[in-house]
Amino acid sequence: MKYLVMVQGSQADYEAMQGKGSAQSPAWSKEDVRAMYAFMNALNDDLAESGEMVDGQGLAEPARTRFVQRGADGSAEVTDGPYGETKELLAGYWVLDCASLERVTEIAERIIQCPQPEGAPDYPVVIRPIDEGSGDVGC
């Protein structure tokens, strides 16, 4: 079964990884960032080797986000991010093809072990099964 595995972050976290700490997230050193990337690269290599990796991507900072919604008159309203009403956004994801929910949960337990500086926020790893139904419902 395929699963979407998601990690969250905020604009403050992306800025912290660039060395600009705040009350929400302490500044990361270059060594902290290297350790995080080394951990994620090793994880991705292991998932590719096991055949469970379908796709995985880190996403650009929320400040580079665009929000498109239907306005009151039905036309599109386009706004650039980040958005004050949203604290955490999707920071990265994997699409994994795993034999069971237990297996993808083991992977999520590994993801939460990713190194980060002391005081950095801990976000949950979210697992969502991908509905591979008949395709009768959709846009």
N, C-alpha and C. Protein backbone atom coordinates (compact mmCIF):
# COMPACT_ATOMS: atom_id res chain seq x y z
N MET A 1 0.85 -1.17 0.00
CA MET A 1 0.00 0.00 0.00
C MET A 1 0.89 1.24 0.00
N LYS A 2 0.41 2.27 -0.63
CA LYS A 2 1.17 3.52 -0.67
C LYS A 2 0.70 4.45 0.44
N TYR A 3 1.68 5.19 0.97
CA TYR A 3 1.43 6.13 2.06
C TYR A 3 2.12 7.46 1.75
N LEU A 4 1.47 8.54 2.16
CA LEU A 4 2.08 9.86 2.13
C LEU A 4 2.58 10.13 3.54
N VAL A 5 3.88 10.36 3.68
CA VAL A 5 4.50 10.62 4.98
C VAL A 5 4.96 12.08 4.94
N MET A 6 4.45 12.89 5.87
CA MET A 6 4.68 14.33 5.81
C MET A 6 5.38 14.85 7.06
N VAL A 7 6.26 15.82 6.84
CA VAL A 7 6.89 16.55 7.95
C VAL A 7 6.50 18.01 7.82
N GLN A 8 6.40 18.67 8.96
CA GLN A 8 5.95 20.06 8.99
C GLN A 8 7.08 21.01 9.34
N GLY A 9 6.85 22.27 9.12
CA GLY A 9 7.80 23.31 9.47
C GLY A 9 7.12 24.65 9.36
N SER A 10 7.83 25.69 9.78
CA SER A 10 7.30 27.05 9.71
C SER A 10 8.35 27.93 9.03
N GLN A 11 7.94 29.13 8.67
CA GLN A 11 8.89 30.08 8.09
C GLN A 11 10.05 30.32 9.06
N ALA A 12 9.73 30.39 10.36
CA ALA A 12 10.78 30.61 11.36
C ALA A 12 11.80 29.46 11.34
N ASP A 13 11.35 28.24 11.09
CA ASP A 13 12.27 27.10 11.03
C ASP A 13 13.21 27.21 9.83
N TYR A 14 12.67 27.60 8.69
CA TYR A 14 13.51 27.77 7.50
C TYR A 14 14.54 28.88 7.74
N GLU A 15 14.12 29.96 8.38
CA GLU A 15 15.06 31.05 8.68
C GLU A 15 16.11 30.58 9.68
N ALA A 16 15.70 29.77 10.66
CA ALA A 16 16.65 29.25 11.65
C ALA A 16 17.71 28.38 10.97
N MET A 17 17.30 27.60 9.96
CA MET A 17 18.27 26.77 9.24
C MET A 17 19.24 27.61 8.41
N GLN A 18 18.90 28.89 8.21
CA GLN A 18 19.79 29.82 7.52
C GLN A 18 20.60 30.63 8.53
N GLY A 19 20.52 30.25 9.82
CA GLY A 19 21.29 30.91 10.86
C GLY A 19 20.60 32.07 11.54
N LYS A 20 19.32 32.30 11.22
CA LYS A 20 18.58 33.43 11.80
C LYS A 20 17.57 32.89 12.82
N GLY A 21 18.02 32.71 14.05
CA GLY A 21 17.17 32.18 15.10
C GLY A 21 16.10 33.16 15.54
N SER A 22 15.10 32.63 16.24
CA SER A 22 14.01 33.44 16.77
C SER A 22 13.49 32.76 18.04
N ALA A 23 12.49 33.36 18.65
CA ALA A 23 11.89 32.75 19.83
C ALA A 23 11.24 31.41 19.48
N GLN A 24 10.81 31.24 18.22
CA GLN A 24 10.16 30.00 17.81
C GLN A 24 11.15 28.90 17.45
N SER A 25 12.34 29.26 17.01
CA SER A 25 13.29 28.27 16.53
C SER A 25 14.72 28.80 16.65
N PRO A 26 15.60 28.08 17.37
CA PRO A 26 16.98 28.57 17.53
C PRO A 26 17.76 28.48 16.21
N ALA A 27 18.76 29.32 16.09
CA ALA A 27 19.61 29.30 14.88
C ALA A 27 20.33 27.97 14.76
N TRP A 28 20.37 27.46 13.54
CA TRP A 28 21.10 26.24 13.23
C TRP A 28 22.50 26.63 12.78
N SER A 29 23.49 25.84 13.18
CA SER A 29 24.85 26.03 12.67
C SER A 29 24.96 25.30 11.33
N LYS A 30 26.03 25.57 10.60
CA LYS A 30 26.27 24.84 9.35
C LYS A 30 26.41 23.35 9.62
N GLU A 31 27.00 23.00 10.76
CA GLU A 31 27.14 21.59 11.13
C GLU A 31 25.78 20.96 11.39
N ASP A 32 24.87 21.69 12.03
CA ASP A 32 23.51 21.19 12.27
C ASP A 32 22.81 20.88 10.95
N VAL A 33 22.93 21.80 10.00
CA VAL A 33 22.28 21.62 8.70
C VAL A 33 22.90 20.43 7.96
N ARG A 34 24.23 20.32 8.00
CA ARG A 34 24.89 19.18 7.34
C ARG A 34 24.44 17.87 7.95
N ALA A 35 24.32 17.83 9.28
CA ALA A 35 23.89 16.60 9.96
C ALA A 35 22.47 16.22 9.55
N MET A 36 21.60 17.21 9.45
CA MET A 36 20.21 16.95 9.03
C MET A 36 20.18 16.39 7.61
N TYR A 37 20.92 17.02 6.69
CA TYR A 37 20.93 16.55 5.30
C TYR A 37 21.57 15.17 5.19
N ALA A 38 22.61 14.91 5.94
CA ALA A 38 23.24 13.58 5.92
C ALA A 38 22.25 12.51 6.40
N PHE A 39 21.51 12.83 7.46
CA PHE A 39 20.51 11.90 7.99
C PHE A 39 19.44 11.62 6.93
N MET A 40 18.91 12.69 6.34
CA MET A 40 17.83 12.53 5.35
C MET A 40 18.33 11.80 4.10
N ASN A 41 19.56 12.10 3.65
CA ASN A 41 20.10 11.40 2.48
C ASN A 41 20.27 9.91 2.76
N ALA A 42 20.76 9.57 3.96
CA ALA A 42 20.91 8.15 4.33
C ALA A 42 19.55 7.46 4.38
N LEU A 43 18.56 8.14 4.96
CA LEU A 43 17.21 7.59 5.02
C LEU A 43 16.67 7.35 3.60
N ASN A 44 16.80 8.36 2.74
CA ASN A 44 16.31 8.22 1.36
C ASN A 44 17.03 7.11 0.62
N ASP A 45 18.34 6.98 0.83
CA ASP A 45 19.10 5.89 0.19
C ASP A 45 18.59 4.53 0.66
N ASP A 46 18.34 4.39 1.96
CA ASP A 46 17.83 3.13 2.50
C ASP A 46 16.44 2.80 1.93
N LEU A 47 15.57 3.81 1.83
CA LEU A 47 14.23 3.59 1.29
C LEU A 47 14.28 3.24 -0.19
N ALA A 48 15.19 3.85 -0.93
CA ALA A 48 15.34 3.51 -2.35
C ALA A 48 15.87 2.08 -2.50
N GLU A 49 16.85 1.73 -1.67
CA GLU A 49 17.43 0.39 -1.73
C GLU A 49 16.40 -0.69 -1.38
N SER A 50 15.51 -0.39 -0.43
CA SER A 50 14.49 -1.38 -0.04
C SER A 50 13.35 -1.45 -1.04
N GLY A 51 13.30 -0.50 -1.98
CA GLY A 51 12.22 -0.47 -2.97
C GLY A 51 10.96 0.20 -2.46
N GLU A 52 11.01 0.82 -1.28
CA GLU A 52 9.82 1.44 -0.70
C GLU A 52 9.64 2.90 -1.14
N MET A 53 10.71 3.54 -1.62
CA MET A 53 10.63 4.94 -2.02
C MET A 53 9.97 5.07 -3.38
N VAL A 54 8.86 5.80 -3.42
CA VAL A 54 8.22 6.17 -4.68
C VAL A 54 8.67 7.58 -5.05
N ASP A 55 8.62 8.48 -4.08
CA ASP A 55 9.04 9.87 -4.27
C ASP A 55 9.27 10.48 -2.90
N GLY A 56 10.06 11.51 -2.86
CA GLY A 56 10.28 12.26 -1.63
C GLY A 56 10.91 13.59 -1.98
N GLN A 57 10.43 14.64 -1.34
CA GLN A 57 10.93 15.98 -1.64
C GLN A 57 10.88 16.86 -0.41
N GLY A 58 11.87 17.70 -0.26
CA GLY A 58 11.80 18.81 0.68
C GLY A 58 11.19 19.99 -0.07
N LEU A 59 10.42 20.78 0.60
CA LEU A 59 9.75 21.91 -0.05
C LEU A 59 10.42 23.23 0.29
N ALA A 60 10.30 24.18 -0.61
CA ALA A 60 10.86 25.52 -0.41
C ALA A 60 10.16 26.20 0.76
N GLU A 61 10.80 27.21 1.29
CA GLU A 61 10.26 27.91 2.45
C GLU A 61 8.87 28.50 2.18
N PRO A 62 8.05 28.60 3.24
CA PRO A 62 6.69 29.15 3.08
C PRO A 62 6.65 30.53 2.44
N ALA A 63 7.70 31.34 2.61
CA ALA A 63 7.71 32.68 2.00
C ALA A 63 7.64 32.63 0.49
N ARG A 64 7.94 31.46 -0.09
CA ARG A 64 7.89 31.31 -1.54
C ARG A 64 6.61 30.60 -1.99
N THR A 65 5.62 30.57 -1.10
CA THR A 65 4.35 29.90 -1.36
C THR A 65 3.37 30.84 -2.04
N ARG A 66 2.49 30.29 -2.82
CA ARG A 66 1.40 31.05 -3.42
C ARG A 66 0.10 30.34 -3.04
N PHE A 67 -0.89 31.12 -2.65
CA PHE A 67 -2.18 30.63 -2.19
C PHE A 67 -3.23 31.08 -3.20
N VAL A 68 -3.97 30.15 -3.78
CA VAL A 68 -5.00 30.46 -4.77
C VAL A 68 -6.34 29.95 -4.24
N GLN A 69 -7.31 30.84 -4.15
CA GLN A 69 -8.64 30.43 -3.68
C GLN A 69 -9.71 31.16 -4.49
N ARG A 70 -10.91 30.65 -4.38
CA ARG A 70 -12.05 31.26 -5.06
C ARG A 70 -12.52 32.46 -4.25
N GLY A 71 -12.63 33.60 -4.90
CA GLY A 71 -13.13 34.81 -4.26
C GLY A 71 -14.65 34.79 -4.19
N ALA A 72 -15.21 35.78 -3.51
CA ALA A 72 -16.67 35.87 -3.35
C ALA A 72 -17.40 35.93 -4.68
N ASP A 73 -16.76 36.51 -5.69
CA ASP A 73 -17.40 36.61 -7.00
C ASP A 73 -17.11 35.41 -7.89
N GLY A 74 -16.40 34.40 -7.36
CA GLY A 74 -16.10 33.20 -8.11
C GLY A 74 -14.78 33.24 -8.85
N SER A 75 -14.14 34.41 -8.92
CA SER A 75 -12.85 34.50 -9.60
C SER A 75 -11.73 34.10 -8.65
N ALA A 76 -10.58 33.80 -9.21
CA ALA A 76 -9.43 33.39 -8.42
C ALA A 76 -8.83 34.58 -7.68
N GLU A 77 -8.52 34.37 -6.40
CA GLU A 77 -7.76 35.33 -5.60
C GLU A 77 -6.40 34.71 -5.33
N VAL A 78 -5.33 35.40 -5.68
CA VAL A 78 -3.98 34.88 -5.53
C VAL A 78 -3.23 35.72 -4.51
N THR A 79 -2.63 35.05 -3.53
CA THR A 79 -1.88 35.72 -2.48
C THR A 79 -0.54 35.01 -2.32
N ASP A 80 0.53 35.78 -2.11
CA ASP A 80 1.83 35.18 -1.81
C ASP A 80 1.93 34.93 -0.32
N GLY A 81 2.71 33.90 0.08
CA GLY A 81 2.86 33.53 1.48
C GLY A 81 4.02 34.27 2.12
N PRO A 82 4.34 34.01 3.39
CA PRO A 82 3.61 33.10 4.28
C PRO A 82 2.35 33.74 4.84
N TYR A 83 1.59 32.96 5.50
CA TYR A 83 0.28 33.39 5.98
C TYR A 83 0.27 33.42 7.50
N GLY A 84 -0.11 34.55 8.06
CA GLY A 84 -0.12 34.71 9.51
C GLY A 84 -1.02 33.74 10.22
N GLU A 85 -2.11 33.33 9.58
CA GLU A 85 -3.05 32.43 10.25
C GLU A 85 -2.57 30.98 10.24
N THR A 86 -1.51 30.68 9.48
CA THR A 86 -0.99 29.32 9.41
C THR A 86 0.40 29.30 10.04
N LYS A 87 0.55 28.54 11.10
CA LYS A 87 1.85 28.47 11.76
C LYS A 87 2.74 27.41 11.11
N GLU A 88 2.26 26.18 11.00
CA GLU A 88 3.04 25.10 10.42
C GLU A 88 2.47 24.74 9.05
N LEU A 89 3.38 24.48 8.14
CA LEU A 89 3.00 24.06 6.79
C LEU A 89 3.79 22.81 6.43
N LEU A 90 3.42 22.18 5.35
CA LEU A 90 4.14 21.02 4.86
C LEU A 90 5.56 21.45 4.48
N ALA A 91 6.56 20.79 5.07
CA ALA A 91 7.96 21.12 4.79
C ALA A 91 8.60 20.10 3.86
N GLY A 92 8.08 18.89 3.86
CA GLY A 92 8.61 17.85 3.00
C GLY A 92 7.74 16.62 3.10
N TYR A 93 7.96 15.70 2.16
CA TYR A 93 7.13 14.51 2.14
C TYR A 93 7.85 13.35 1.46
N TRP A 94 7.35 12.16 1.72
CA TRP A 94 7.72 10.95 1.01
C TRP A 94 6.43 10.28 0.57
N VAL A 95 6.45 9.68 -0.60
CA VAL A 95 5.42 8.72 -0.99
C VAL A 95 6.13 7.37 -0.91
N LEU A 96 5.65 6.52 -0.03
CA LEU A 96 6.28 5.23 0.22
C LEU A 96 5.31 4.10 -0.12
N ASP A 97 5.85 3.03 -0.64
CA ASP A 97 5.08 1.83 -0.92
C ASP A 97 5.55 0.77 0.07
N CYS A 98 4.78 0.59 1.14
CA CYS A 98 5.18 -0.28 2.24
C CYS A 98 4.20 -1.44 2.39
N ALA A 99 4.69 -2.52 2.93
CA ALA A 99 3.88 -3.72 3.10
C ALA A 99 2.77 -3.54 4.13
N SER A 100 2.97 -2.61 5.08
CA SER A 100 1.98 -2.47 6.15
C SER A 100 2.08 -1.10 6.81
N LEU A 101 1.03 -0.76 7.54
CA LEU A 101 1.03 0.46 8.34
C LEU A 101 2.12 0.39 9.41
N GLU A 102 2.37 -0.80 9.94
CA GLU A 102 3.41 -0.96 10.94
C GLU A 102 4.78 -0.60 10.36
N ARG A 103 5.04 -1.03 9.11
CA ARG A 103 6.33 -0.72 8.49
C ARG A 103 6.49 0.78 8.27
N VAL A 104 5.46 1.45 7.74
CA VAL A 104 5.59 2.89 7.50
C VAL A 104 5.70 3.64 8.84
N THR A 105 5.10 3.10 9.89
CA THR A 105 5.24 3.70 11.23
C THR A 105 6.68 3.57 11.72
N GLU A 106 7.33 2.43 11.44
CA GLU A 106 8.75 2.27 11.79
C GLU A 106 9.59 3.35 11.10
N ILE A 107 9.28 3.62 9.84
CA ILE A 107 10.01 4.65 9.10
C ILE A 107 9.78 6.02 9.73
N ALA A 108 8.53 6.32 10.10
CA ALA A 108 8.21 7.59 10.75
C ALA A 108 8.97 7.72 12.07
N GLU A 109 9.09 6.62 12.81
CA GLU A 109 9.85 6.64 14.06
C GLU A 109 11.31 6.95 13.80
N ARG A 110 11.83 6.51 12.67
CA ARG A 110 13.21 6.85 12.30
C ARG A 110 13.30 8.34 11.93
N ILE A 111 12.32 8.85 11.20
CA ILE A 111 12.34 10.25 10.77
C ILE A 111 12.41 11.20 11.97
N ILE A 112 11.66 10.90 13.03
CA ILE A 112 11.66 11.81 14.19
C ILE A 112 13.00 11.84 14.92
N GLN A 113 13.91 10.93 14.55
CA GLN A 113 15.25 10.91 15.15
C GLN A 113 16.22 11.84 14.41
N CYS A 114 15.75 12.53 13.39
CA CYS A 114 16.60 13.44 12.62
C CYS A 114 17.26 14.44 13.56
N PRO A 115 18.57 14.62 13.45
CA PRO A 115 19.25 15.56 14.34
C PRO A 115 18.81 17.00 14.09
N GLN A 116 18.74 17.74 15.18
CA GLN A 116 18.42 19.17 15.13
C GLN A 116 18.99 19.81 16.39
N PRO A 117 19.17 21.12 16.38
CA PRO A 117 19.72 21.77 17.58
C PRO A 117 18.76 21.70 18.76
N GLU A 118 19.31 21.72 19.93
CA GLU A 118 18.48 21.73 21.14
C GLU A 118 17.57 22.95 21.11
N GLY A 119 16.31 22.75 21.48
CA GLY A 119 15.34 23.83 21.52
C GLY A 119 14.56 24.00 20.23
N ALA A 120 14.95 23.27 19.17
CA ALA A 120 14.19 23.34 17.91
C ALA A 120 12.85 22.66 18.12
N PRO A 121 11.81 23.15 17.46
CA PRO A 121 10.48 22.55 17.64
C PRO A 121 10.43 21.11 17.15
N ASP A 122 9.69 20.30 17.87
CA ASP A 122 9.44 18.92 17.46
C ASP A 122 8.06 18.86 16.82
N TYR A 123 8.02 18.46 15.57
CA TYR A 123 6.75 18.32 14.85
C TYR A 123 6.45 16.84 14.67
N PRO A 124 5.19 16.49 14.65
CA PRO A 124 4.87 15.08 14.39
C PRO A 124 5.13 14.73 12.93
N VAL A 125 5.35 13.46 12.67
CA VAL A 125 5.37 12.95 11.31
C VAL A 125 3.97 12.42 11.05
N VAL A 126 3.36 12.88 9.97
CA VAL A 126 1.98 12.52 9.65
C VAL A 126 1.98 11.46 8.56
N ILE A 127 1.26 10.37 8.79
CA ILE A 127 1.14 9.28 7.83
C ILE A 127 -0.30 9.25 7.32
N ARG A 128 -0.45 9.30 6.01
CA ARG A 128 -1.78 9.20 5.40
C ARG A 128 -1.75 8.13 4.33
N PRO A 129 -2.61 7.11 4.44
CA PRO A 129 -2.70 6.14 3.35
C PRO A 129 -3.19 6.85 2.08
N ILE A 130 -2.65 6.44 0.95
CA ILE A 130 -3.08 6.99 -0.33
C ILE A 130 -4.22 6.12 -0.84
N ASP A 131 -5.34 6.75 -1.11
CA ASP A 131 -6.52 6.04 -1.58
C ASP A 131 -6.30 5.64 -3.04
N GLU A 132 -6.11 4.37 -3.26
CA GLU A 132 -5.91 3.87 -4.61
C GLU A 132 -7.17 3.16 -5.10
N GLY A 133 -8.32 3.78 -4.75
CA GLY A 133 -9.61 3.22 -5.12
C GLY A 133 -9.82 3.16 -6.62
N SER A 134 -11.05 3.02 -7.00
CA SER A 134 -11.41 2.79 -8.40
C SER A 134 -11.21 4.02 -9.27
N GLY A 135 -11.05 5.18 -8.68
CA GLY A 135 -10.88 6.39 -9.47
C GLY A 135 -12.19 6.99 -9.92
N ASP A 136 -13.31 6.53 -9.37
CA ASP A 136 -14.62 7.06 -9.74
C ASP A 136 -14.86 8.45 -9.20
N VAL A 137 -14.13 8.83 -8.14
CA VAL A 137 -14.34 10.13 -7.52
C VAL A 137 -13.15 11.01 -7.85
N GLY A 138 -13.37 12.24 -8.16
CA GLY A 138 -12.25 13.14 -8.44
C GLY A 138 -12.72 14.39 -9.14
N CYS A 139 -11.78 15.16 -9.60
CA CYS A 139 -12.08 16.43 -10.27
C CYS A 139 -12.54 16.20 -11.69
